PDB file of all heavy atoms in Angstrom:
ATOM      1  N   GLU A   1      -6.777 -12.134   6.978  1.00  0.00           N
ATOM      2  CA  GLU A   1      -7.660 -11.256   6.217  1.00  0.00           C
ATOM      3  C   GLU A   1      -8.944 -10.910   6.956  1.00  0.00           C
ATOM      4  O   GLU A   1      -9.581  -9.917   6.642  1.00  0.00           O
ATOM      5  CB  GLU A   1      -7.977 -11.876   4.855  1.00  0.00           C
ATOM      6  CG  GLU A   1      -6.791 -11.879   3.932  1.00  0.00           C
ATOM      7  CD  GLU A   1      -7.128 -12.387   2.543  1.00  0.00           C
ATOM      8  OE1 GLU A   1      -8.221 -12.948   2.346  1.00  0.00           O
ATOM      9  OE2 GLU A   1      -6.286 -12.223   1.655  1.00  0.00           O
ATOM     10  N   SER A   2      -9.348 -11.731   7.906  1.00  0.00           N
ATOM     11  CA  SER A   2     -10.532 -11.429   8.713  1.00  0.00           C
ATOM     12  C   SER A   2     -10.302 -11.936  10.133  1.00  0.00           C
ATOM     13  O   SER A   2      -9.410 -12.743  10.377  1.00  0.00           O
ATOM     14  CB  SER A   2     -11.778 -12.077   8.107  1.00  0.00           C
ATOM     15  OG  SER A   2     -11.646 -13.482   8.101  1.00  0.00           O
ATOM     16  N   ASP A   3     -11.099 -11.437  11.050  1.00  0.00           N
ATOM     17  CA  ASP A   3     -10.978 -11.830  12.455  1.00  0.00           C
ATOM     18  C   ASP A   3     -11.895 -13.016  12.720  1.00  0.00           C
ATOM     19  O   ASP A   3     -13.111 -12.871  12.735  1.00  0.00           O
ATOM     20  CB  ASP A   3     -11.362 -10.654  13.353  1.00  0.00           C
ATOM     21  CG  ASP A   3     -11.291 -10.992  14.830  1.00  0.00           C
ATOM     22  OD1 ASP A   3     -10.867 -12.119  15.177  1.00  0.00           O
ATOM     23  OD2 ASP A   3     -11.675 -10.141  15.648  1.00  0.00           O
ATOM     24  N   PRO A   4     -11.337 -14.204  12.944  1.00  0.00           N
ATOM     25  CA  PRO A   4     -12.179 -15.372  13.185  1.00  0.00           C
ATOM     26  C   PRO A   4     -12.808 -15.385  14.580  1.00  0.00           C
ATOM     27  O   PRO A   4     -13.722 -16.161  14.835  1.00  0.00           O
ATOM     28  CB  PRO A   4     -11.220 -16.545  13.002  1.00  0.00           C
ATOM     29  CG  PRO A   4      -9.876 -15.976  13.245  1.00  0.00           C
ATOM     30  CD  PRO A   4      -9.931 -14.534  12.864  1.00  0.00           C
ATOM     31  N   GLY A   5     -12.314 -14.538  15.475  1.00  0.00           N
ATOM     32  CA  GLY A   5     -12.881 -14.462  16.820  1.00  0.00           C
ATOM     33  C   GLY A   5     -12.867 -15.803  17.526  1.00  0.00           C
ATOM     34  O   GLY A   5     -11.928 -16.572  17.402  1.00  0.00           O
ATOM     35  N   ASP A   6     -13.934 -16.093  18.265  1.00  0.00           N
ATOM     36  CA  ASP A   6     -14.025 -17.339  19.023  1.00  0.00           C
ATOM     37  C   ASP A   6     -14.683 -18.471  18.246  1.00  0.00           C
ATOM     38  O   ASP A   6     -14.963 -19.526  18.794  1.00  0.00           O
ATOM     39  CB  ASP A   6     -14.808 -17.100  20.324  1.00  0.00           C
ATOM     40  CG  ASP A   6     -14.016 -16.281  21.334  1.00  0.00           C
ATOM     41  OD1 ASP A   6     -12.772 -16.381  21.351  1.00  0.00           O
ATOM     42  OD2 ASP A   6     -14.641 -15.551  22.119  1.00  0.00           O
ATOM     43  N   ASP A   7     -14.911 -18.272  16.935  1.00  0.00           N
ATOM     44  CA  ASP A   7     -15.526 -19.287  16.084  1.00  0.00           C
ATOM     45  C   ASP A   7     -14.446 -20.271  15.631  1.00  0.00           C
ATOM     46  O   ASP A   7     -13.623 -19.951  14.771  1.00  0.00           O
ATOM     47  CB  ASP A   7     -16.194 -18.612  14.882  1.00  0.00           C
ATOM     48  CG  ASP A   7     -16.875 -19.587  13.942  1.00  0.00           C
ATOM     49  OD1 ASP A   7     -16.650 -20.811  14.046  1.00  0.00           O
ATOM     50  OD2 ASP A   7     -17.624 -19.105  13.074  1.00  0.00           O
ATOM     51  N   SER A   8     -14.459 -21.464  16.209  1.00  0.00           N
ATOM     52  CA  SER A   8     -13.394 -22.433  15.923  1.00  0.00           C
ATOM     53  C   SER A   8     -13.302 -22.790  14.443  1.00  0.00           C
ATOM     54  O   SER A   8     -12.206 -22.910  13.901  1.00  0.00           O
ATOM     55  CB  SER A   8     -13.568 -23.692  16.769  1.00  0.00           C
ATOM     56  OG  SER A   8     -14.804 -24.308  16.499  1.00  0.00           O
ATOM     57  N   ASP A   9     -14.444 -22.947  13.769  1.00  0.00           N
ATOM     58  CA  ASP A   9     -14.409 -23.288  12.346  1.00  0.00           C
ATOM     59  C   ASP A   9     -13.868 -22.148  11.490  1.00  0.00           C
ATOM     60  O   ASP A   9     -13.221 -22.378  10.472  1.00  0.00           O
ATOM     61  CB  ASP A   9     -15.792 -23.694  11.856  1.00  0.00           C
ATOM     62  CG  ASP A   9     -16.214 -25.048  12.420  1.00  0.00           C
ATOM     63  OD1 ASP A   9     -15.319 -25.870  12.718  1.00  0.00           O
ATOM     64  OD2 ASP A   9     -17.421 -25.277  12.561  1.00  0.00           O
ATOM     65  N   ALA A  10     -14.116 -20.908  11.900  1.00  0.00           N
ATOM     66  CA  ALA A  10     -13.627 -19.755  11.135  1.00  0.00           C
ATOM     67  C   ALA A  10     -12.101 -19.712  11.109  1.00  0.00           C
ATOM     68  O   ALA A  10     -11.520 -19.196  10.153  1.00  0.00           O
ATOM     69  CB  ALA A  10     -14.185 -18.456  11.712  1.00  0.00           C
ATOM     70  N   TRP A  11     -11.445 -20.266  12.123  1.00  0.00           N
ATOM     71  CA  TRP A  11      -9.978 -20.280  12.138  1.00  0.00           C
ATOM     72  C   TRP A  11      -9.422 -21.105  10.982  1.00  0.00           C
ATOM     73  O   TRP A  11      -8.360 -20.794  10.456  1.00  0.00           O
ATOM     74  CB  TRP A  11      -9.446 -20.780  13.480  1.00  0.00           C
ATOM     75  CG  TRP A  11      -9.442 -19.687  14.489  1.00  0.00           C
ATOM     76  CD1 TRP A  11     -10.470 -19.340  15.328  1.00  0.00           C
ATOM     77  CD2 TRP A  11      -8.406 -18.744  14.720  1.00  0.00           C
ATOM     78  NE1 TRP A  11     -10.119 -18.250  16.069  1.00  0.00           N
ATOM     79  CE2 TRP A  11      -8.844 -17.863  15.728  1.00  0.00           C
ATOM     80  CE3 TRP A  11      -7.136 -18.555  14.180  1.00  0.00           C
ATOM     81  CZ2 TRP A  11      -8.065 -16.818  16.201  1.00  0.00           C
ATOM     82  CZ3 TRP A  11      -6.353 -17.517  14.662  1.00  0.00           C
ATOM     83  CH2 TRP A  11      -6.820 -16.659  15.661  1.00  0.00           C
ATOM     84  N   LEU A  12     -10.129 -22.146  10.566  1.00  0.00           N
ATOM     85  CA  LEU A  12      -9.666 -22.959   9.437  1.00  0.00           C
ATOM     86  C   LEU A  12      -9.905 -22.277   8.105  1.00  0.00           C
ATOM     87  O   LEU A  12      -9.200 -22.526   7.136  1.00  0.00           O
ATOM     88  CB  LEU A  12     -10.375 -24.314   9.436  1.00  0.00           C
ATOM     89  CG  LEU A  12     -10.050 -25.245  10.592  1.00  0.00           C
ATOM     90  CD1 LEU A  12     -10.793 -26.559  10.413  1.00  0.00           C
ATOM     91  CD2 LEU A  12      -8.553 -25.489  10.705  1.00  0.00           C
ATOM     92  N   ASN A  13     -10.912 -21.417   8.044  1.00  0.00           N
ATOM     93  CA  ASN A  13     -11.293 -20.787   6.786  1.00  0.00           C
ATOM     94  C   ASN A  13     -10.731 -19.386   6.597  1.00  0.00           C
ATOM     95  O   ASN A  13     -10.899 -18.795   5.539  1.00  0.00           O
ATOM     96  CB  ASN A  13     -12.826 -20.749   6.677  1.00  0.00           C
ATOM     97  CG  ASN A  13     -13.408 -22.141   6.711  1.00  0.00           C
ATOM     98  OD1 ASN A  13     -12.882 -23.055   6.100  1.00  0.00           O
ATOM     99  ND2 ASN A  13     -14.481 -22.315   7.461  1.00  0.00           N
ATOM    100  N   THR A  14     -10.092 -18.832   7.598  1.00  0.00           N
ATOM    101  CA  THR A  14      -9.523 -17.487   7.512  1.00  0.00           C
ATOM    102  C   THR A  14      -8.225 -17.537   6.719  1.00  0.00           C
ATOM    103  O   THR A  14      -7.324 -18.310   7.037  1.00  0.00           O
ATOM    104  CB  THR A  14      -9.274 -16.908   8.915  1.00  0.00           C
ATOM    105  OG1 THR A  14     -10.517 -16.847   9.603  1.00  0.00           O
ATOM    106  CG2 THR A  14      -8.649 -15.544   8.844  1.00  0.00           C
ATOM    107  N   ARG A  15      -8.152 -16.714   5.683  1.00  0.00           N
ATOM    108  CA  ARG A  15      -6.952 -16.694   4.834  1.00  0.00           C
ATOM    109  C   ARG A  15      -5.844 -15.846   5.441  1.00  0.00           C
ATOM    110  O   ARG A  15      -6.105 -14.825   6.061  1.00  0.00           O
ATOM    111  CB  ARG A  15      -7.304 -16.131   3.457  1.00  0.00           C
ATOM    112  CG  ARG A  15      -8.101 -17.082   2.596  1.00  0.00           C
ATOM    113  CD  ARG A  15      -8.445 -16.506   1.220  1.00  0.00           C
ATOM    114  NE  ARG A  15      -7.475 -15.594   0.655  1.00  0.00           N
ATOM    115  CZ  ARG A  15      -6.470 -15.945  -0.168  1.00  0.00           C
ATOM    116  NH1 ARG A  15      -6.315 -17.188  -0.499  1.00  0.00           N
ATOM    117  NH2 ARG A  15      -5.663 -15.032  -0.640  1.00  0.00           N
ATOM    118  N   VAL A  16      -4.616 -16.289   5.218  1.00  0.00           N
ATOM    119  CA  VAL A  16      -3.448 -15.498   5.597  1.00  0.00           C
ATOM    120  C   VAL A  16      -3.242 -14.459   4.512  1.00  0.00           C
ATOM    121  O   VAL A  16      -3.088 -14.800   3.337  1.00  0.00           O
ATOM    122  CB  VAL A  16      -2.191 -16.385   5.739  1.00  0.00           C
ATOM    123  CG1 VAL A  16      -0.949 -15.540   5.943  1.00  0.00           C
ATOM    124  CG2 VAL A  16      -2.381 -17.377   6.874  1.00  0.00           C
ATOM    125  N   GLY A  17      -3.272 -13.178   4.891  1.00  0.00           N
ATOM    126  CA  GLY A  17      -3.101 -12.102   3.924  1.00  0.00           C
ATOM    127  C   GLY A  17      -1.644 -11.805   3.637  1.00  0.00           C
ATOM    128  O   GLY A  17      -1.261 -11.551   2.502  1.00  0.00           O
ATOM    129  N   ALA A  18      -0.797 -11.850   4.671  1.00  0.00           N
ATOM    130  CA  ALA A  18       0.625 -11.555   4.486  1.00  0.00           C
ATOM    131  C   ALA A  18       1.392 -12.018   5.719  1.00  0.00           C
ATOM    132  O   ALA A  18       0.824 -12.223   6.785  1.00  0.00           O
ATOM    133  CB  ALA A  18       0.846 -10.062   4.275  1.00  0.00           C
ATOM    134  N   VAL A  19       2.712 -12.171   5.545  1.00  0.00           N
ATOM    135  CA  VAL A  19       3.604 -12.573   6.631  1.00  0.00           C
ATOM    136  C   VAL A  19       4.823 -11.663   6.613  1.00  0.00           C
ATOM    137  O   VAL A  19       5.372 -11.376   5.547  1.00  0.00           O
ATOM    138  CB  VAL A  19       4.057 -14.046   6.479  1.00  0.00           C
ATOM    139  CG1 VAL A  19       5.048 -14.429   7.555  1.00  0.00           C
ATOM    140  CG2 VAL A  19       2.857 -14.986   6.473  1.00  0.00           C
ATOM    141  N   TRP A  20       5.227 -11.203   7.801  1.00  0.00           N
ATOM    142  CA  TRP A  20       6.454 -10.436   7.959  1.00  0.00           C
ATOM    143  C   TRP A  20       7.392 -11.232   8.844  1.00  0.00           C
ATOM    144  O   TRP A  20       6.970 -11.814   9.840  1.00  0.00           O
ATOM    145  CB  TRP A  20       6.181  -9.098   8.647  1.00  0.00           C
ATOM    146  CG  TRP A  20       5.488  -8.101   7.785  1.00  0.00           C
ATOM    147  CD1 TRP A  20       6.066  -7.092   7.067  1.00  0.00           C
ATOM    148  CD2 TRP A  20       4.082  -7.977   7.566  1.00  0.00           C
ATOM    149  NE1 TRP A  20       5.111  -6.368   6.406  1.00  0.00           N
ATOM    150  CE2 TRP A  20       3.881  -6.886   6.697  1.00  0.00           C
ATOM    151  CE3 TRP A  20       2.970  -8.683   8.000  1.00  0.00           C
ATOM    152  CZ2 TRP A  20       2.626  -6.493   6.276  1.00  0.00           C
ATOM    153  CZ3 TRP A  20       1.718  -8.300   7.585  1.00  0.00           C
ATOM    154  CH2 TRP A  20       1.561  -7.206   6.735  1.00  0.00           C
ATOM    155  N   LYS A  21       8.663 -11.296   8.476  1.00  0.00           N
ATOM    156  CA  LYS A  21       9.684 -11.967   9.283  1.00  0.00           C
ATOM    157  C   LYS A  21      10.809 -10.988   9.514  1.00  0.00           C
ATOM    158  O   LYS A  21      11.345 -10.422   8.570  1.00  0.00           O
ATOM    159  CB  LYS A  21      10.192 -13.218   8.578  1.00  0.00           C
ATOM    160  CG  LYS A  21      11.244 -13.954   9.383  1.00  0.00           C
ATOM    161  CD  LYS A  21      11.272 -15.407   9.032  1.00  0.00           C
ATOM    162  CE  LYS A  21      12.308 -16.166   9.806  1.00  0.00           C
ATOM    163  NZ  LYS A  21      12.191 -16.092  11.228  1.00  0.00           N
ATOM    164  N   GLY A  22      11.137 -10.764  10.764  1.00  0.00           N
ATOM    165  CA  GLY A  22      12.179  -9.800  11.094  1.00  0.00           C
ATOM    166  C   GLY A  22      11.839  -8.402  10.622  1.00  0.00           C
ATOM    167  O   GLY A  22      12.723  -7.624  10.285  1.00  0.00           O
ATOM    168  N   GLY A  23      10.553  -8.089  10.573  1.00  0.00           N
ATOM    169  CA  GLY A  23      10.113  -6.772  10.146  1.00  0.00           C
ATOM    170  C   GLY A  23      10.037  -6.590   8.640  1.00  0.00           C
ATOM    171  O   GLY A  23       9.662  -5.535   8.151  1.00  0.00           O
ATOM    172  N   GLU A  24      10.360  -7.643   7.890  1.00  0.00           N
ATOM    173  CA  GLU A  24      10.354  -7.565   6.425  1.00  0.00           C
ATOM    174  C   GLU A  24       9.249  -8.453   5.864  1.00  0.00           C
ATOM    175  O   GLU A  24       9.120  -9.620   6.253  1.00  0.00           O
ATOM    176  CB  GLU A  24      11.715  -8.050   5.895  1.00  0.00           C
ATOM    177  CG  GLU A  24      12.039  -7.566   4.528  1.00  0.00           C
ATOM    178  CD  GLU A  24      13.487  -7.909   4.184  1.00  0.00           C
ATOM    179  OE1 GLU A  24      14.389  -7.609   4.976  1.00  0.00           O
ATOM    180  OE2 GLU A  24      13.680  -8.485   3.097  1.00  0.00           O
ATOM    181  N   ARG A  25       8.454  -7.905   4.943  1.00  0.00           N
ATOM    182  CA  ARG A  25       7.360  -8.673   4.356  1.00  0.00           C
ATOM    183  C   ARG A  25       7.921  -9.773   3.467  1.00  0.00           C
ATOM    184  O   ARG A  25       8.689  -9.514   2.544  1.00  0.00           O
ATOM    185  CB  ARG A  25       6.452  -7.752   3.552  1.00  0.00           C
ATOM    186  CG  ARG A  25       5.162  -8.423   3.141  1.00  0.00           C
ATOM    187  CD  ARG A  25       4.214  -7.423   2.557  1.00  0.00           C
ATOM    188  NE  ARG A  25       2.922  -8.045   2.308  1.00  0.00           N
ATOM    189  CZ  ARG A  25       1.845  -7.378   2.012  1.00  0.00           C
ATOM    190  NH1 ARG A  25       1.878  -6.057   1.923  1.00  0.00           N
ATOM    191  NH2 ARG A  25       0.722  -8.003   1.794  1.00  0.00           N
ATOM    192  N   VAL A  26       7.521 -11.016   3.761  1.00  0.00           N
ATOM    193  CA  VAL A  26       8.037 -12.151   2.998  1.00  0.00           C
ATOM    194  C   VAL A  26       6.946 -12.872   2.219  1.00  0.00           C
ATOM    195  O   VAL A  26       7.240 -13.814   1.479  1.00  0.00           O
ATOM    196  CB  VAL A  26       8.759 -13.163   3.930  1.00  0.00           C
ATOM    197  CG1 VAL A  26       9.998 -12.535   4.523  1.00  0.00           C
ATOM    198  CG2 VAL A  26       7.836 -13.698   5.013  1.00  0.00           C
ATOM    199  N   SER A  27       5.671 -12.460   2.383  1.00  0.00           N
ATOM    200  CA  SER A  27       4.608 -13.064   1.598  1.00  0.00           C
ATOM    201  C   SER A  27       3.514 -12.060   1.320  1.00  0.00           C
ATOM    202  O   SER A  27       3.374 -11.054   2.024  1.00  0.00           O
ATOM    203  CB  SER A  27       3.999 -14.273   2.308  1.00  0.00           C
ATOM    204  OG  SER A  27       3.102 -13.855   3.298  1.00  0.00           O
ATOM    205  N   ARG A  28       2.758 -12.328   0.289  1.00  0.00           N
ATOM    206  CA  ARG A  28       1.607 -11.509  -0.077  1.00  0.00           C
ATOM    207  C   ARG A  28       0.520 -12.485  -0.535  1.00  0.00           C
ATOM    208  O   ARG A  28       0.795 -13.403  -1.291  1.00  0.00           O
ATOM    209  CB  ARG A  28       1.981 -10.557  -1.195  1.00  0.00           C
ATOM    210  CG  ARG A  28       0.906  -9.587  -1.573  1.00  0.00           C
ATOM    211  CD  ARG A  28       1.309  -8.605  -2.683  1.00  0.00           C
ATOM    212  NE  ARG A  28       2.714  -8.350  -2.917  1.00  0.00           N
ATOM    213  CZ  ARG A  28       3.480  -7.457  -2.241  1.00  0.00           C
ATOM    214  NH1 ARG A  28       2.984  -6.754  -1.283  1.00  0.00           N
ATOM    215  NH2 ARG A  28       4.738  -7.285  -2.549  1.00  0.00           N
TER     216      ARG A  28
END
């Protein structure tokens, strides 16, 4: 949902917005 960039702590707090597997959306 956001770009954590080079901020190591931001990587833990960045939410996953969606996942695609094999070109098909499998999460929201």
